[in-house]
Amino acid sequence: MGAWARVENAACARRLLATAEELERMWAVDGSEEREQWCLDNWGAVAASVAAAQNVSLGVASHQLLIAIGLRERLPRVGEVFAAGAITYRLVSAIVARTRLISDPDTMAKVDTEIAAQVQDWGSLSAHKTETQIDYWVNRYDPAAVRRTESSARNCHVDIHDPDDGSGVVFIEGRLIITDGEALDQRLDAMARTVCERDPRTLDQRRAAALGALGHKADRLACLCEDPDCPAKDAQSSAVVVHVIAHEESLTDDTPAQLDGEAPVDPDRKPWQEMTWREALAPTPWTPVIAATPPALVVGRGMLPAPLLAAKIAGSAKLVPVVHPGNNPPEPRYIPSAVLATFVRCRDMTCRFPGCDEPAHRCDVDHTIAYPHGPTQASNLKVLCRKHHLLKTFWGWADEQHPDGTVIWTCPQGQTYTTYPGSRLLFPTLCRPTAPVRGHRSTPPTTDPARGLAMPRRTTTRAQNRTQAINDERRHNQTLIHTEAEQRARNQHNPGDSVGNEYDNTYFPTRPRPPSDHDPAPF
């Protein structure tokens, strides 16, 4: 198994090398300097090609490209160890991230040599211990380049994860500044107590509901006591829109939704207090239950059981029917009607570029064959996020659409990728073929430099953004180093003023951050 792990590591190294070489070829093409000012620049175009080839998101591909360029330009000796299969992608990613602030080439070469000589002897380390090992060599040659604990505020984040298990719930994890965390904690407690004492939910369940209510811009919870005279029965109205696609029968499902969080109880099973040890430890027979009503889908998240959907929308949601256009003729205008746009968004669900999962309601509706050569009808319309819309328009990608919504992409190098509507599994009726397109493409895709005049521009290039971020963090670290030195000098001059033992916080690093491009979105 160890031999195969080395093969996998070596293959990963070669894949990253290929992506770095592709970017360098892009930089070598005439006009590349001007394209660095494009909102979708050389880096973004190569990342899109990588994403399509691997069927991953643009963010994942961009991070891989960052690691690849880091190995090729800053850590070539570590790259050689990686190419031999001796270390993993996870470790290489940490090394690139923890050495990111080193700006002097000679210092970078020394750190690269030291780490490459010893990294194989580190063995299996936790993420924290791995970062500590890397930080040791960074601190030895360039203390201002250590990713310090005080920088952790820059790593604040909130992530919402969909377990994709059909439960209709998501998991939330994050990192907040302590004052913000305390304020949020108190706010959730206060909102959880806006219902009457007959509300069936526990405090924890009400706090979770309060967090959702904040997302809807509400300042109180709706009580679930079912008392018509309850003064807390209604929550504040919301200006937030959550897009849910559902079958018509899912809207009226009268199955109890178990909103109080209690699981159904098997009537034939003894209470656990009355069981013997043998009965308690015996496996419980499991019979799969097929839902009588199909689930709904929260766009951009996951499935929502029909009973829970019916309970959540009762009396408060705006229902918009999705009308399949069938063989309707094209609409006589560029912008599709609201009915047609709704159908296209519900059929596609996400951006139709390979690997992209941007929700359809955040995307543009694109004519596959450009208007007016191509008609405004379902068979010629799809949704694309803004970045992939720019990619198609300015970077030479071609697309072909079938009446059932299937899209075949061809990259400038000739490889093809096929994507299917997101509704194909849960709502297959939306993928019934519509009237075929009778238009034709006027000209093939082009990367003519004159075409780039219409591309939205960046105020600063991606490289300038990264250099600025590195310089800012180095200045912050230099200030901390100077402050610590002054404190040590004071303690040595007045030892009685120091309380407890002095500690060095250099080796309590934060987790590596994903690459960020701070230029605003090209909307």
Protein backbone atom coordinates (compact mmCIF):
# COMPACT_ATOMS: atom_id res chain seq x y z
CA MET A 1 0.00 0.00 0.00
CA GLY A 2 2.90 2.34 0.75
CA ALA A 3 4.23 1.89 -2.77
CA TRP A 4 0.89 2.87 -4.26
CA ALA A 5 0.78 5.93 -2.00
CA ARG A 6 4.13 7.03 -3.46
CA VAL A 7 2.78 6.48 -6.96
CA GLU A 8 -0.26 8.60 -6.12
CA ASN A 9 1.94 11.39 -4.70
CA ALA A 10 4.19 11.35 -7.75
CA ALA A 11 1.20 11.44 -10.11
CA CYS A 12 -0.24 14.40 -8.20
CA ALA A 13 3.10 16.21 -8.51
CA ARG A 14 3.12 15.68 -12.27
CA ARG A 15 -0.45 16.90 -12.57
CA LEU A 16 0.44 20.09 -10.70
CA LEU A 17 3.52 20.53 -12.86
CA ALA A 18 1.34 20.35 -15.97
CA THR A 19 -0.96 23.08 -14.63
CA ALA A 20 2.00 25.34 -13.83
CA GLU A 21 3.40 24.83 -17.33
CA GLU A 22 0.01 25.66 -18.85
CA LEU A 23 -0.06 28.97 -16.95
CA GLU A 24 3.50 29.78 -18.02
CA ARG A 25 2.55 29.12 -21.65
CA MET A 26 -0.39 31.47 -21.22
CA TRP A 27 1.90 34.17 -19.82
CA ALA A 28 4.23 33.74 -22.83
CA VAL A 29 1.50 34.47 -25.40
CA ASP A 30 1.41 37.93 -26.98
CA GLY A 31 -0.98 40.24 -25.17
CA SER A 32 -0.80 38.35 -21.87
CA GLU A 33 0.32 41.45 -19.99
CA GLU A 34 -2.85 43.27 -21.00
CA ARG A 35 -4.96 40.24 -20.07
CA GLU A 36 -3.58 40.43 -16.53
CA GLN A 37 -5.88 43.47 -16.19
CA TRP A 38 -8.95 41.50 -17.28
CA CYS A 39 -11.47 40.56 -14.61
CA LEU A 40 -11.10 36.98 -15.84
CA ASP A 41 -7.33 37.09 -16.29
CA ASN A 42 -4.73 34.54 -17.46
CA TRP A 43 -4.81 32.82 -14.08
CA GLY A 44 -8.60 32.57 -14.12
CA ALA A 45 -8.66 31.16 -17.65
CA VAL A 46 -6.13 28.43 -16.82
CA ALA A 47 -7.93 27.65 -13.55
CA ALA A 48 -11.16 27.23 -15.54
CA SER A 49 -9.45 24.72 -17.84
CA VAL A 50 -8.13 22.80 -14.83
CA ALA A 51 -11.57 22.86 -13.21
CA ALA A 52 -13.25 21.50 -16.33
CA ALA A 53 -10.68 18.72 -16.77
CA GLN A 54 -11.05 17.57 -13.14
CA ASN A 55 -14.75 18.46 -12.69
CA VAL A 56 -13.98 20.64 -9.65
CA SER A 57 -14.93 24.19 -8.76
CA LEU A 58 -12.97 27.21 -9.91
CA GLY A 59 -11.83 27.83 -6.33
CA VAL A 60 -10.39 24.33 -5.94
CA ALA A 61 -8.61 24.60 -9.29
CA SER A 62 -7.20 28.02 -8.40
CA HIS A 63 -5.81 26.65 -5.13
CA GLN A 64 -4.14 23.78 -6.99
CA LEU A 65 -2.63 26.31 -9.38
CA LEU A 66 -1.31 28.33 -6.44
CA ILE A 67 0.41 25.23 -5.05
CA ALA A 68 1.81 24.35 -8.48
CA ILE A 69 3.33 27.80 -9.06
CA GLY A 70 4.66 27.86 -5.50
CA LEU A 71 6.52 24.59 -6.06
CA ARG A 72 7.85 25.58 -9.47
CA GLU A 73 8.99 29.12 -8.67
CA ARG A 74 9.67 29.17 -4.91
CA LEU A 75 10.14 25.60 -3.66
CA PRO A 76 11.80 23.61 -6.47
CA ARG A 77 13.70 21.28 -4.10
CA VAL A 78 10.53 20.45 -2.17
CA GLY A 79 8.93 19.89 -5.57
CA GLU A 80 11.60 17.30 -6.40
CA VAL A 81 10.84 15.41 -3.18
CA PHE A 82 7.15 15.55 -4.04
CA ALA A 83 7.78 14.33 -7.59
CA ALA A 84 9.60 11.31 -6.12
CA GLY A 85 6.40 10.45 -4.23
CA ALA A 86 8.01 10.88 -0.81
CA ILE A 87 5.54 13.45 0.58
CA THR A 88 1.82 14.09 0.22
CA TYR A 89 -0.17 16.90 -1.39
CA ARG A 90 -1.50 17.86 2.05
CA LEU A 91 2.03 18.40 3.35
CA VAL A 92 3.12 20.26 0.22
CA SER A 93 0.08 22.52 0.51
CA ALA A 94 1.02 23.37 4.10
CA ILE A 95 4.62 24.15 3.12
CA VAL A 96 3.53 26.50 0.34
CA ALA A 97 1.06 28.26 2.64
CA ARG A 98 3.42 28.63 5.61
CA THR A 99 6.27 30.04 3.47
CA ARG A 100 4.07 32.45 1.53
CA LEU A 101 5.32 35.58 3.33
CA ILE A 102 9.00 35.07 2.46
CA SER A 103 9.77 37.75 -0.11
CA ASP A 104 13.56 37.57 -0.51
CA PRO A 105 14.61 34.97 -3.16
CA ASP A 106 17.85 34.01 -1.36
CA THR A 107 16.01 33.47 1.92
CA MET A 108 13.37 31.44 0.10
CA ALA A 109 16.08 29.24 -1.43
CA LYS A 110 17.60 28.55 1.99
CA VAL A 111 14.26 27.59 3.52
CA ASP A 112 13.48 25.42 0.50
CA THR A 113 16.80 23.58 0.87
CA GLU A 114 16.40 23.03 4.63
CA ILE A 115 12.83 21.75 4.42
CA ALA A 116 13.55 19.50 1.42
CA ALA A 117 16.48 17.92 3.26
CA GLN A 118 14.42 17.02 6.33
CA VAL A 119 10.78 16.74 5.32
CA GLN A 120 10.97 13.00 4.64
CA ASP A 121 12.05 12.42 8.24
CA TRP A 122 9.08 14.23 9.77
CA GLY A 123 6.93 11.11 9.65
CA SER A 124 3.21 11.22 10.37
CA LEU A 125 2.52 14.51 12.14
CA SER A 126 -0.69 16.28 13.03
CA ALA A 127 -1.51 19.43 11.10
CA HIS A 128 -0.41 21.60 14.04
CA LYS A 129 2.93 19.80 14.45
CA THR A 130 3.55 19.95 10.72
CA GLU A 131 3.02 23.70 10.71
CA THR A 132 5.32 24.05 13.71
CA GLN A 133 8.10 22.22 11.86
CA ILE A 134 7.71 24.50 8.85
CA ASP A 135 7.52 27.62 11.01
CA TYR A 136 10.79 26.67 12.72
CA TRP A 137 12.73 27.08 9.47
CA VAL A 138 10.80 30.18 8.42
CA ASN A 139 11.49 31.81 11.80
CA ARG A 140 15.17 30.90 11.61
CA TYR A 141 15.73 32.79 8.36
CA ASP A 142 12.91 35.36 8.27
CA PRO A 143 10.97 35.92 11.54
CA ALA A 144 8.65 38.44 9.90
CA ALA A 145 7.42 35.72 7.53
CA VAL A 146 5.98 33.43 10.24
CA ARG A 147 2.19 33.14 10.03
CA ARG A 148 1.58 34.29 13.59
CA THR A 149 -1.30 33.67 15.96
CA GLU A 150 -2.12 37.38 16.06
CA SER A 151 -2.98 37.12 12.37
CA SER A 152 -5.74 34.64 13.17
CA ALA A 153 -8.36 37.38 13.01
CA ARG A 154 -7.76 37.39 9.28
CA ASN A 155 -8.79 33.73 9.24
CA CYS A 156 -12.26 34.41 10.60
CA HIS A 157 -14.84 32.59 8.52
CA VAL A 158 -18.29 31.01 8.59
CA ASP A 159 -18.95 27.95 6.44
CA ILE A 160 -22.26 26.18 5.87
CA HIS A 161 -21.91 22.53 4.87
CA ASP A 162 -24.65 20.43 3.30
CA PRO A 163 -24.29 16.75 4.37
CA ASP A 164 -26.35 15.74 1.32
CA ASP A 165 -28.19 13.07 3.31
CA GLY A 166 -31.72 14.22 2.53
CA SER A 167 -32.35 15.34 6.12
CA GLY A 168 -33.05 18.95 5.19
CA VAL A 169 -30.44 20.32 7.61
CA VAL A 170 -26.96 21.79 7.19
CA PHE A 171 -23.93 22.02 9.46
CA ILE A 172 -22.35 25.35 10.38
CA GLU A 173 -18.78 25.92 11.54
CA GLY A 174 -16.84 29.12 11.82
CA ARG A 175 -14.39 31.37 13.58
CA LEU A 176 -15.37 34.80 14.95
CA ILE A 177 -13.65 37.54 16.87
CA ILE A 178 -14.46 36.95 20.54
CA THR A 179 -16.61 40.07 20.91
CA ASP A 180 -18.67 39.16 17.85
CA GLY A 181 -19.06 35.60 19.13
CA GLU A 182 -20.33 36.83 22.48
CA ALA A 183 -22.76 39.24 20.82
CA LEU A 184 -24.13 36.47 18.59
CA ASP A 185 -24.46 34.11 21.55
CA GLN A 186 -26.50 36.64 23.51
CA ARG A 187 -28.60 37.51 20.48
CA LEU A 188 -29.54 33.87 19.88
CA ASP A 189 -30.48 33.43 23.54
CA ALA A 190 -32.64 36.55 23.47
CA MET A 191 -34.44 35.51 20.28
CA ALA A 192 -34.93 31.97 21.60
CA ARG A 193 -36.93 33.47 24.47
CA THR A 194 -39.33 35.48 22.30
CA VAL A 195 -41.76 32.52 22.12
CA CYS A 196 -44.23 31.51 24.80
CA GLU A 197 -43.53 28.75 27.32
CA ARG A 198 -45.77 26.31 25.42
CA ASP A 199 -43.47 26.24 22.37
CA PRO A 200 -42.52 22.53 21.99
CA ARG A 201 -38.86 23.11 21.03
CA THR A 202 -35.88 22.90 23.34
CA LEU A 203 -33.66 25.91 23.95
CA ASP A 204 -31.02 24.51 21.61
CA GLN A 205 -33.59 24.01 18.86
CA ARG A 206 -34.90 27.55 19.33
CA ARG A 207 -31.35 28.95 19.17
CA ALA A 208 -30.83 27.14 15.88
CA ALA A 209 -34.14 28.52 14.60
CA ALA A 210 -33.04 31.99 15.76
CA LEU A 211 -29.93 31.80 13.61
CA GLY A 212 -32.10 30.99 10.62
CA ALA A 213 -34.45 33.84 11.54
CA LEU A 214 -31.51 36.26 11.52
CA GLY A 215 -30.81 35.12 7.98
CA HIS A 216 -34.38 36.11 7.11
CA LYS A 217 -33.87 39.54 8.77
CA ALA A 218 -36.36 38.71 11.52
CA ASP A 219 -35.91 39.92 15.09
CA ARG A 220 -38.07 37.28 16.80
CA LEU A 221 -39.21 33.67 16.38
CA ALA A 222 -42.65 32.46 15.39
CA CYS A 223 -44.07 30.40 18.24
CA LEU A 224 -45.07 26.81 17.43
CA CYS A 225 -47.48 26.33 20.31
CA GLU A 226 -50.48 26.31 17.89
CA ASP A 227 -52.46 28.53 20.26
CA PRO A 228 -54.44 30.94 18.03
CA ASP A 229 -54.29 33.60 20.76
CA CYS A 230 -50.53 33.34 21.30
CA PRO A 231 -49.03 36.85 21.05
CA ALA A 232 -45.77 35.40 19.67
CA LYS A 233 -47.23 33.26 16.89
CA ASP A 234 -45.93 35.41 14.02
CA ALA A 235 -42.35 36.32 13.19
CA GLN A 236 -41.35 39.53 11.49
CA SER A 237 -41.74 39.40 7.73
CA SER A 238 -38.61 38.68 5.72
CA ALA A 239 -37.03 40.41 2.75
CA VAL A 240 -34.73 37.44 2.09
CA VAL A 241 -35.55 35.04 -0.74
CA VAL A 242 -34.79 31.32 -0.45
CA HIS A 243 -35.33 29.48 -3.74
CA VAL A 244 -36.92 26.04 -3.39
CA ILE A 245 -37.94 23.77 -6.27
CA ALA A 246 -40.66 21.24 -5.49
CA HIS A 247 -43.30 19.01 -7.04
CA GLU A 248 -46.82 20.34 -6.58
CA GLU A 249 -47.80 17.47 -4.27
CA SER A 250 -44.90 18.31 -1.94
CA LEU A 251 -46.50 21.65 -1.09
CA THR A 252 -49.54 20.06 0.54
CA ASP A 253 -48.00 17.02 2.26
CA ASP A 254 -49.81 16.62 5.59
CA THR A 255 -47.36 14.17 7.17
CA PRO A 256 -46.24 15.48 10.58
CA ALA A 257 -42.96 17.32 10.11
CA GLN A 258 -41.53 16.58 13.59
CA LEU A 259 -40.55 20.22 13.93
CA ASP A 260 -39.81 19.79 17.62
CA GLY A 261 -36.99 17.41 16.77
CA GLU A 262 -38.49 14.26 18.26
CA ALA A 263 -37.89 11.11 16.23
CA PRO A 264 -40.84 8.76 15.63
CA VAL A 265 -41.07 6.04 18.27
CA ASP A 266 -41.55 2.37 17.42
CA PRO A 267 -44.77 1.41 19.28
CA ASP A 268 -43.67 -2.24 19.55
CA ARG A 269 -40.34 -1.47 21.20
CA LYS A 270 -39.98 -1.51 25.00
CA PRO A 271 -38.84 1.61 26.82
CA TRP A 272 -35.10 1.27 27.43
CA GLN A 273 -35.65 1.42 31.21
CA GLU A 274 -37.54 -1.91 31.03
CA MET A 275 -35.04 -3.74 28.80
CA THR A 276 -32.57 -6.41 29.82
CA TRP A 277 -28.95 -5.94 28.73
CA ARG A 278 -29.45 -8.52 25.98
CA GLU A 279 -32.54 -6.70 24.67
CA ALA A 280 -30.84 -3.31 24.81
CA LEU A 281 -27.79 -4.49 22.89
CA ALA A 282 -29.72 -6.47 20.27
CA PRO A 283 -29.65 -4.84 16.81
CA THR A 284 -32.86 -3.08 15.88
CA PRO A 285 -34.50 -4.43 12.70
CA TRP A 286 -34.49 -1.78 10.02
CA THR A 287 -37.02 -1.50 7.25
CA PRO A 288 -36.46 1.12 4.56
CA VAL A 289 -39.32 3.60 4.28
CA ILE A 290 -40.01 5.15 0.91
CA ALA A 291 -41.33 8.69 1.18
CA ALA A 292 -44.83 8.96 -0.23
CA THR A 293 -44.11 12.47 -1.50
CA PRO A 294 -40.88 13.43 -3.29
CA PRO A 295 -38.61 15.91 -1.52
CA ALA A 296 -38.01 19.50 -2.54
CA LEU A 297 -34.64 21.03 -3.31
CA VAL A 298 -33.25 24.20 -1.77
CA VAL A 299 -31.28 25.71 -4.65
CA GLY A 300 -27.59 25.81 -3.83
CA ARG A 301 -27.99 23.55 -0.77
CA GLY A 302 -29.75 20.21 -0.73
CA MET A 303 -32.97 18.28 -0.35
CA LEU A 304 -35.80 19.26 1.98
CA PRO A 305 -38.36 16.61 3.05
CA ALA A 306 -41.85 17.39 1.76
CA PRO A 307 -43.54 17.52 5.22
CA LEU A 308 -40.99 20.03 6.45
CA LEU A 309 -41.40 22.11 3.29
CA ALA A 310 -45.18 22.20 3.65
CA ALA A 311 -44.88 23.31 7.27
CA LYS A 312 -42.31 26.01 6.51
CA ILE A 313 -44.17 27.65 3.61
CA ALA A 314 -47.70 27.46 5.04
CA GLY A 315 -49.27 30.86 4.55
CA SER A 316 -45.99 32.74 4.02
CA ALA A 317 -44.28 31.74 0.77
CA LYS A 318 -44.84 33.04 -2.73
CA LEU A 319 -45.45 30.09 -5.07
CA VAL A 320 -44.35 30.47 -8.69
CA PRO A 321 -45.36 27.68 -11.09
CA VAL A 322 -42.66 26.36 -13.41
CA VAL A 323 -44.13 26.11 -16.92
CA HIS A 324 -42.45 23.75 -19.39
CA PRO A 325 -42.36 25.61 -22.75
CA GLY A 326 -42.85 22.47 -24.84
CA ASN A 327 -42.76 23.35 -28.53
CA ASN A 328 -43.53 27.03 -28.03
CA PRO A 329 -41.95 29.31 -30.65
CA PRO A 330 -39.04 31.61 -29.71
CA GLU A 331 -39.78 34.86 -27.91
CA PRO A 332 -39.27 37.95 -30.09
CA ARG A 333 -36.75 39.70 -27.82
CA TYR A 334 -33.29 39.36 -26.31
CA ILE A 335 -34.26 39.21 -22.62
CA PRO A 336 -36.41 36.13 -21.90
CA SER A 337 -39.75 36.54 -20.18
CA ALA A 338 -39.99 35.85 -16.46
CA VAL A 339 -41.80 32.56 -17.17
CA LEU A 340 -39.11 31.34 -19.56
CA ALA A 341 -36.24 32.51 -17.33
CA THR A 342 -37.81 30.72 -14.35
CA PHE A 343 -38.01 27.49 -16.34
CA VAL A 344 -34.38 27.73 -17.47
CA ARG A 345 -33.13 28.43 -13.94
CA CYS A 346 -35.17 25.57 -12.45
CA ARG A 347 -34.09 23.17 -15.18
CA ASP A 348 -30.39 23.99 -14.85
CA MET A 349 -30.27 24.69 -11.06
CA THR A 350 -26.58 25.69 -11.23
CA CYS A 351 -24.09 27.24 -13.63
CA ARG A 352 -23.70 24.88 -16.58
CA PHE A 353 -19.91 25.05 -16.83
CA PRO A 354 -18.18 21.77 -15.83
CA GLY A 355 -17.55 21.57 -12.09
CA CYS A 356 -19.32 24.83 -11.20
CA ASP A 357 -22.09 24.75 -8.58
CA GLU A 358 -23.05 28.43 -8.44
CA PRO A 359 -26.85 28.52 -7.83
CA ALA A 360 -28.90 29.44 -10.88
CA HIS A 361 -30.55 32.47 -9.27
CA ARG A 362 -27.09 34.07 -9.00
CA CYS A 363 -26.26 33.38 -12.65
CA ASP A 364 -26.84 35.08 -16.00
CA VAL A 365 -29.21 33.57 -18.56
CA ASP A 366 -26.98 33.04 -21.60
CA HIS A 367 -27.85 32.49 -25.25
CA THR A 368 -25.84 29.46 -26.38
CA ILE A 369 -25.98 30.77 -29.97
CA ALA A 370 -25.59 34.52 -29.62
CA TYR A 371 -28.68 36.63 -30.19
CA PRO A 372 -29.97 37.53 -32.79
CA HIS A 373 -28.39 34.63 -34.71
CA GLY A 374 -29.73 32.31 -32.02
CA PRO A 375 -33.32 32.56 -30.75
CA THR A 376 -34.60 33.31 -27.26
CA GLN A 377 -36.02 29.88 -26.44
CA ALA A 378 -35.35 27.17 -23.88
CA SER A 379 -33.22 25.04 -26.22
CA ASN A 380 -30.86 27.97 -26.72
CA LEU A 381 -30.76 29.27 -23.13
CA LYS A 382 -28.79 28.14 -20.10
CA VAL A 383 -27.44 29.74 -16.93
CA LEU A 384 -23.79 30.70 -16.47
CA CYS A 385 -22.14 32.39 -13.51
CA ARG A 386 -20.51 35.68 -14.40
CA LYS A 387 -16.96 34.30 -14.52
CA HIS A 388 -17.86 31.44 -16.84
CA HIS A 389 -19.98 33.78 -18.94
CA LEU A 390 -16.86 35.92 -19.41
CA LEU A 391 -14.81 32.79 -20.11
CA LYS A 392 -17.12 31.80 -22.97
CA THR A 393 -17.27 35.32 -24.37
CA PHE A 394 -13.58 36.23 -24.28
CA TRP A 395 -11.47 33.08 -23.95
CA GLY A 396 -12.46 30.98 -26.96
CA TRP A 397 -14.66 28.31 -25.36
CA ALA A 398 -17.44 26.92 -27.61
CA ASP A 399 -20.71 25.39 -26.44
CA GLU A 400 -23.45 23.35 -28.10
CA GLN A 401 -26.87 22.81 -26.51
CA HIS A 402 -29.40 20.02 -27.10
CA PRO A 403 -33.18 20.36 -26.71
CA ASP A 404 -33.11 18.42 -23.40
CA GLY A 405 -30.70 20.97 -21.91
CA THR A 406 -27.51 18.94 -22.36
CA VAL A 407 -24.53 21.23 -23.05
CA ILE A 408 -21.30 20.12 -24.74
CA TRP A 409 -18.31 22.38 -24.11
CA THR A 410 -15.17 22.54 -26.26
CA CYS A 411 -12.08 24.24 -24.83
CA PRO A 412 -9.61 26.16 -27.03
CA GLN A 413 -7.29 23.12 -27.04
CA GLY A 414 -10.06 20.89 -28.43
CA GLN A 415 -11.09 18.78 -25.41
CA THR A 416 -14.83 18.38 -24.91
CA TYR A 417 -16.85 18.20 -21.68
CA THR A 418 -20.56 17.42 -21.29
CA THR A 419 -22.83 18.78 -18.57
CA TYR A 420 -26.46 17.91 -17.88
CA PRO A 421 -29.26 19.94 -16.25
CA GLY A 422 -29.22 19.76 -12.47
CA SER A 423 -32.91 18.82 -12.43
CA ARG A 424 -32.34 15.59 -14.36
CA LEU A 425 -32.45 13.39 -11.23
CA LEU A 426 -35.10 14.94 -8.97
CA PHE A 427 -37.28 16.74 -11.53
CA PRO A 428 -36.80 14.85 -14.82
CA THR A 429 -39.93 16.31 -16.40
CA LEU A 430 -38.11 19.65 -16.64
CA CYS A 431 -35.63 17.97 -19.00
CA ARG A 432 -38.20 16.93 -21.57
CA PRO A 433 -36.96 18.21 -24.95
CA THR A 434 -38.17 21.63 -26.01
CA ALA A 435 -38.48 22.99 -29.55
CA PRO A 436 -35.17 22.56 -31.42
CA VAL A 437 -33.08 25.60 -32.31
CA ARG A 438 -33.14 26.66 -35.95
CA GLY A 439 -30.51 29.37 -35.73
CA HIS A 440 -26.81 29.15 -36.53
CA ARG A 441 -23.63 30.56 -35.09
CA SER A 442 -22.47 33.56 -37.08
CA THR A 443 -18.75 33.26 -36.29
CA PRO A 444 -16.65 30.77 -34.34
CA PRO A 445 -15.33 31.78 -30.90
CA THR A 446 -12.35 34.10 -31.12
CA THR A 447 -9.63 35.45 -28.86
CA ASP A 448 -8.99 38.45 -31.13
CA PRO A 449 -7.30 41.15 -28.98
CA ALA A 450 -9.83 43.74 -30.15
CA ARG A 451 -12.58 41.64 -28.60
CA GLY A 452 -10.97 42.13 -25.19
CA LEU A 453 -11.79 45.84 -25.23
CA ALA A 454 -15.24 44.96 -23.89
CA MET A 455 -13.87 42.83 -21.02
CA PRO A 456 -14.42 44.39 -17.57
CA ARG A 457 -11.12 45.50 -16.06
CA ARG A 458 -9.47 45.07 -12.69
CA THR A 459 -8.29 48.09 -10.73
CA THR A 460 -5.19 46.09 -9.72
CA THR A 461 -3.83 42.81 -11.03
CA ARG A 462 -4.01 39.54 -9.15
CA ALA A 463 -0.23 39.66 -8.60
CA GLN A 464 -0.46 43.18 -7.17
CA ASN A 465 -3.22 42.09 -4.79
CA ARG A 466 -1.14 39.20 -3.49
CA THR A 467 2.00 41.30 -3.10
CA GLN A 468 0.02 43.90 -1.16
CA ALA A 469 -1.46 41.23 1.14
CA ILE A 470 2.00 39.76 1.82
CA ASN A 471 3.50 43.18 2.55
CA ASP A 472 0.64 44.08 4.89
CA GLU A 473 1.03 40.87 6.88
CA ARG A 474 4.81 41.27 7.07
CA ARG A 475 4.42 44.82 8.41
CA HIS A 476 1.97 43.54 10.99
CA ASN A 477 4.44 40.85 12.06
CA GLN A 478 7.31 43.35 12.23
CA THR A 479 5.26 45.49 14.59
CA LEU A 480 4.58 42.46 16.80
CA ILE A 481 8.26 41.51 16.84
CA HIS A 482 9.23 45.07 17.81
CA THR A 483 6.59 45.14 20.57
CA GLU A 484 7.77 41.79 21.96
CA ALA A 485 11.39 43.00 21.96
CA GLU A 486 10.44 46.11 23.89
CA GLN A 487 8.49 44.01 26.41
CA ARG A 488 11.47 41.69 26.94
CA ALA A 489 13.75 44.68 27.46
CA ARG A 490 11.39 46.13 30.06
CA ASN A 491 11.14 42.79 31.85
CA GLN A 492 14.93 42.48 31.98
CA HIS A 493 15.27 46.02 33.31
CA ASN A 494 12.42 45.64 35.83
CA PRO A 495 12.02 41.90 36.47
CA GLY A 496 9.49 42.54 39.22
CA ASP A 497 7.06 44.03 36.70
CA SER A 498 6.64 40.78 34.82
CA VAL A 499 3.92 38.46 36.00
CA GLY A 500 4.31 34.73 35.40
CA ASN A 501 6.55 33.29 32.72
CA GLU A 502 7.06 35.05 29.44
CA TYR A 503 6.09 32.98 26.44
CA ASP A 504 6.82 33.17 22.74
CA ASN A 505 3.67 32.93 20.69
CA THR A 506 5.50 32.38 17.44
CA TYR A 507 4.81 28.65 17.36
CA PHE A 508 1.05 28.66 17.67
CA PRO A 509 0.29 28.99 13.97
CA THR A 510 -3.09 29.28 12.38
CA ARG A 511 -4.35 26.92 9.71
CA PRO A 512 -3.27 27.61 6.11
CA ARG A 513 -5.66 29.95 4.37
CA PRO A 514 -6.96 29.34 0.86
CA PRO A 515 -5.72 31.79 -1.75
CA SER A 516 -7.79 34.92 -2.07
CA ASP A 517 -8.13 37.48 -4.81
CA HIS A 518 -9.38 40.71 -3.30
CA ASP A 519 -10.38 42.39 -6.56
CA PRO A 520 -14.17 42.91 -6.63
CA ALA A 521 -16.35 40.65 -8.75
CA PRO A 522 -16.79 41.85 -12.35
CA PHE A 523 -20.47 42.65 -12.18
